[in-house]
């Protein structure tokens, strides 16, 4: 099952910065796509990361240790896919 994780730029940048020594996680994050959305006249960005369930689990474990705010974004992505 593929999982789509959306992160706010601050969470993404914080996690990416912390995982340079973890090549698998780093490559998954680097494949993220920047999304732009106009709401109420404001340009809002998020980063979309498509991965499989095992990759999401590894990212979650790493994020929980390195950048807990990013872990919450990953949990939301996994929970959303399971609801479908």
C-alpha atoms as a PDB file:
ATOM      1  CA  UNK A   1       0.000   0.000   0.000  1.00  0.00           C
ATOM      2  CA  UNK A   2       1.306   3.461  -0.896  1.00  0.00           C
ATOM      3  CA  UNK A   3       1.091   6.220   1.679  1.00  0.00           C
ATOM      4  CA  UNK A   4       1.064   9.941   0.972  1.00  0.00           C
ATOM      5  CA  UNK A   5       2.628  11.995   3.741  1.00  0.00           C
ATOM      6  CA  UNK A   6       2.241  15.773   3.735  1.00  0.00           C
ATOM      7  CA  UNK A   7       4.555  17.864   5.876  1.00  0.00           C
ATOM      8  CA  UNK A   8       4.792  21.549   6.508  1.00  0.00           C
ATOM      9  CA  UNK A   9       8.140  22.900   5.271  1.00  0.00           C
ATOM     10  CA  UNK A  10       9.566  23.473   8.772  1.00  0.00           C
ATOM     11  CA  UNK A  11       8.946  19.854   9.791  1.00  0.00           C
ATOM     12  CA  UNK A  12      10.305  18.530   6.505  1.00  0.00           C
ATOM     13  CA  UNK A  13      13.441  20.677   6.694  1.00  0.00           C
ATOM     14  CA  UNK A  14      14.077  19.728  10.319  1.00  0.00           C
ATOM     15  CA  UNK A  15      13.753  16.012   9.642  1.00  0.00           C
ATOM     16  CA  UNK A  16      15.785  16.183   6.441  1.00  0.00           C
ATOM     17  CA  UNK A  17      18.580  18.039   8.213  1.00  0.00           C
ATOM     18  CA  UNK A  18      18.731  15.425  10.966  1.00  0.00           C
ATOM     19  CA  UNK A  19      18.770  12.326   8.771  1.00  0.00           C
ATOM     20  CA  UNK A  20      21.866  12.877   6.631  1.00  0.00           C
ATOM     21  CA  UNK A  21      23.448   9.760   8.164  1.00  0.00           C
ATOM     22  CA  UNK A  22      20.405   7.636   7.270  1.00  0.00           C
ATOM     23  CA  UNK A  23      20.648   7.186   3.499  1.00  0.00           C
ATOM     24  CA  UNK A  24      17.338   5.335   3.048  1.00  0.00           C
ATOM     25  CA  UNK A  25      15.310   7.971   4.887  1.00  0.00           C
ATOM     26  CA  UNK A  26      17.228  10.788   3.240  1.00  0.00           C
ATOM     27  CA  UNK A  27      16.486   9.467  -0.271  1.00  0.00           C
ATOM     28  CA  UNK A  28      12.778   9.004   0.528  1.00  0.00           C
ATOM     29  CA  UNK A  29      12.532  12.581   1.797  1.00  0.00           C
ATOM     30  CA  UNK A  30      14.505  14.013  -1.134  1.00  0.00           C
ATOM     31  CA  UNK A  31      11.894  12.545  -3.498  1.00  0.00           C
ATOM     32  CA  UNK A  32       9.234  14.733  -1.892  1.00  0.00           C
ATOM     33  CA  UNK A  33       7.334  17.207  -4.047  1.00  0.00           C
ATOM     34  CA  UNK A  34       6.577  20.795  -3.055  1.00  0.00           C
ATOM     35  CA  UNK A  35       2.855  21.596  -3.294  1.00  0.00           C
ATOM     36  CA  UNK A  36       1.603  25.174  -3.549  1.00  0.00           C
ATOM     37  CA  UNK A  37      -1.917  26.098  -2.526  1.00  0.00           C
ATOM     38  CA  UNK A  38      -3.630  29.491  -2.537  1.00  0.00           C
ATOM     39  CA  UNK A  39      -6.008  29.952   0.384  1.00  0.00           C
ATOM     40  CA  UNK A  40      -7.427  33.300   1.414  1.00  0.00           C
ATOM     41  CA  UNK A  41      -4.930  35.065  -0.819  1.00  0.00           C
ATOM     42  CA  UNK A  42      -1.979  33.384   0.885  1.00  0.00           C
ATOM     43  CA  UNK A  43       0.429  31.008  -0.792  1.00  0.00           C
ATOM     44  CA  UNK A  44       0.829  27.973   1.452  1.00  0.00           C
ATOM     45  CA  UNK A  45       3.332  25.228   0.796  1.00  0.00           C
ATOM     46  CA  UNK A  46       3.580  21.638   1.912  1.00  0.00           C
ATOM     47  CA  UNK A  47       5.846  18.759   0.969  1.00  0.00           C
ATOM     48  CA  UNK A  48       4.221  15.560  -0.316  1.00  0.00           C
ATOM     49  CA  UNK A  49       6.149  12.312   0.126  1.00  0.00           C
ATOM     50  CA  UNK A  50       4.903   9.099  -1.472  1.00  0.00           C
ATOM     51  CA  UNK A  51       6.247   5.916   0.099  1.00  0.00           C
ATOM     52  CA  UNK A  52       5.221   2.399   0.952  1.00  0.00           C
ATOM     53  CA  UNK A  53       4.120   1.280   4.405  1.00  0.00           C
ATOM     54  CA  UNK A  54       7.539  -0.087   5.443  1.00  0.00           C
ATOM     55  CA  UNK A  55       9.250   3.154   4.416  1.00  0.00           C
ATOM     56  CA  UNK A  56       6.669   5.192   6.338  1.00  0.00           C
ATOM     57  CA  UNK A  57       7.321   3.079   9.427  1.00  0.00           C
ATOM     58  CA  UNK A  58      11.081   3.670   9.160  1.00  0.00           C
ATOM     59  CA  UNK A  59      10.525   7.389   8.655  1.00  0.00           C
ATOM     60  CA  UNK A  60       8.226   7.479  11.675  1.00  0.00           C
ATOM     61  CA  UNK A  61      10.755   5.721  13.913  1.00  0.00           C
ATOM     62  CA  UNK A  62      13.484   8.111  12.799  1.00  0.00           C
ATOM     63  CA  UNK A  63      11.287  11.201  13.114  1.00  0.00           C
ATOM     64  CA  UNK A  64      10.217  10.207  16.624  1.00  0.00           C
ATOM     65  CA  UNK A  65      13.878  10.349  17.664  1.00  0.00           C
ATOM     66  CA  UNK A  66      15.102  13.278  15.572  1.00  0.00           C
ATOM     67  CA  UNK A  67      12.154  15.616  14.996  1.00  0.00           C
ATOM     68  CA  UNK A  68       8.916  14.681  16.802  1.00  0.00           C
ATOM     69  CA  UNK A  69       6.857  17.382  15.062  1.00  0.00           C
ATOM     70  CA  UNK A  70       7.498  15.600  11.747  1.00  0.00           C
ATOM     71  CA  UNK A  71       6.423  12.310  13.333  1.00  0.00           C
ATOM     72  CA  UNK A  72       2.929  13.744  13.830  1.00  0.00           C
ATOM     73  CA  UNK A  73       2.700  14.500  10.089  1.00  0.00           C
ATOM     74  CA  UNK A  74       3.725  10.926   9.257  1.00  0.00           C
ATOM     75  CA  UNK A  75       1.164   9.473  11.677  1.00  0.00           C
ATOM     76  CA  UNK A  76      -1.584  11.540   9.997  1.00  0.00           C
ATOM     77  CA  UNK A  77      -0.579  10.215   6.556  1.00  0.00           C
ATOM     78  CA  UNK A  78      -0.588   6.589   7.714  1.00  0.00           C
ATOM     79  CA  UNK A  79      -3.902   6.991   9.550  1.00  0.00           C
ATOM     80  CA  UNK A  80      -5.547   8.606   6.522  1.00  0.00           C
ATOM     81  CA  UNK A  81      -4.516   5.743   4.215  1.00  0.00           C
ATOM     82  CA  UNK A  82      -5.826   3.166   6.680  1.00  0.00           C
ATOM     83  CA  UNK A  83      -9.215   4.910   6.792  1.00  0.00           C
ATOM     84  CA  UNK A  84      -9.695   4.503   3.053  1.00  0.00           C
END
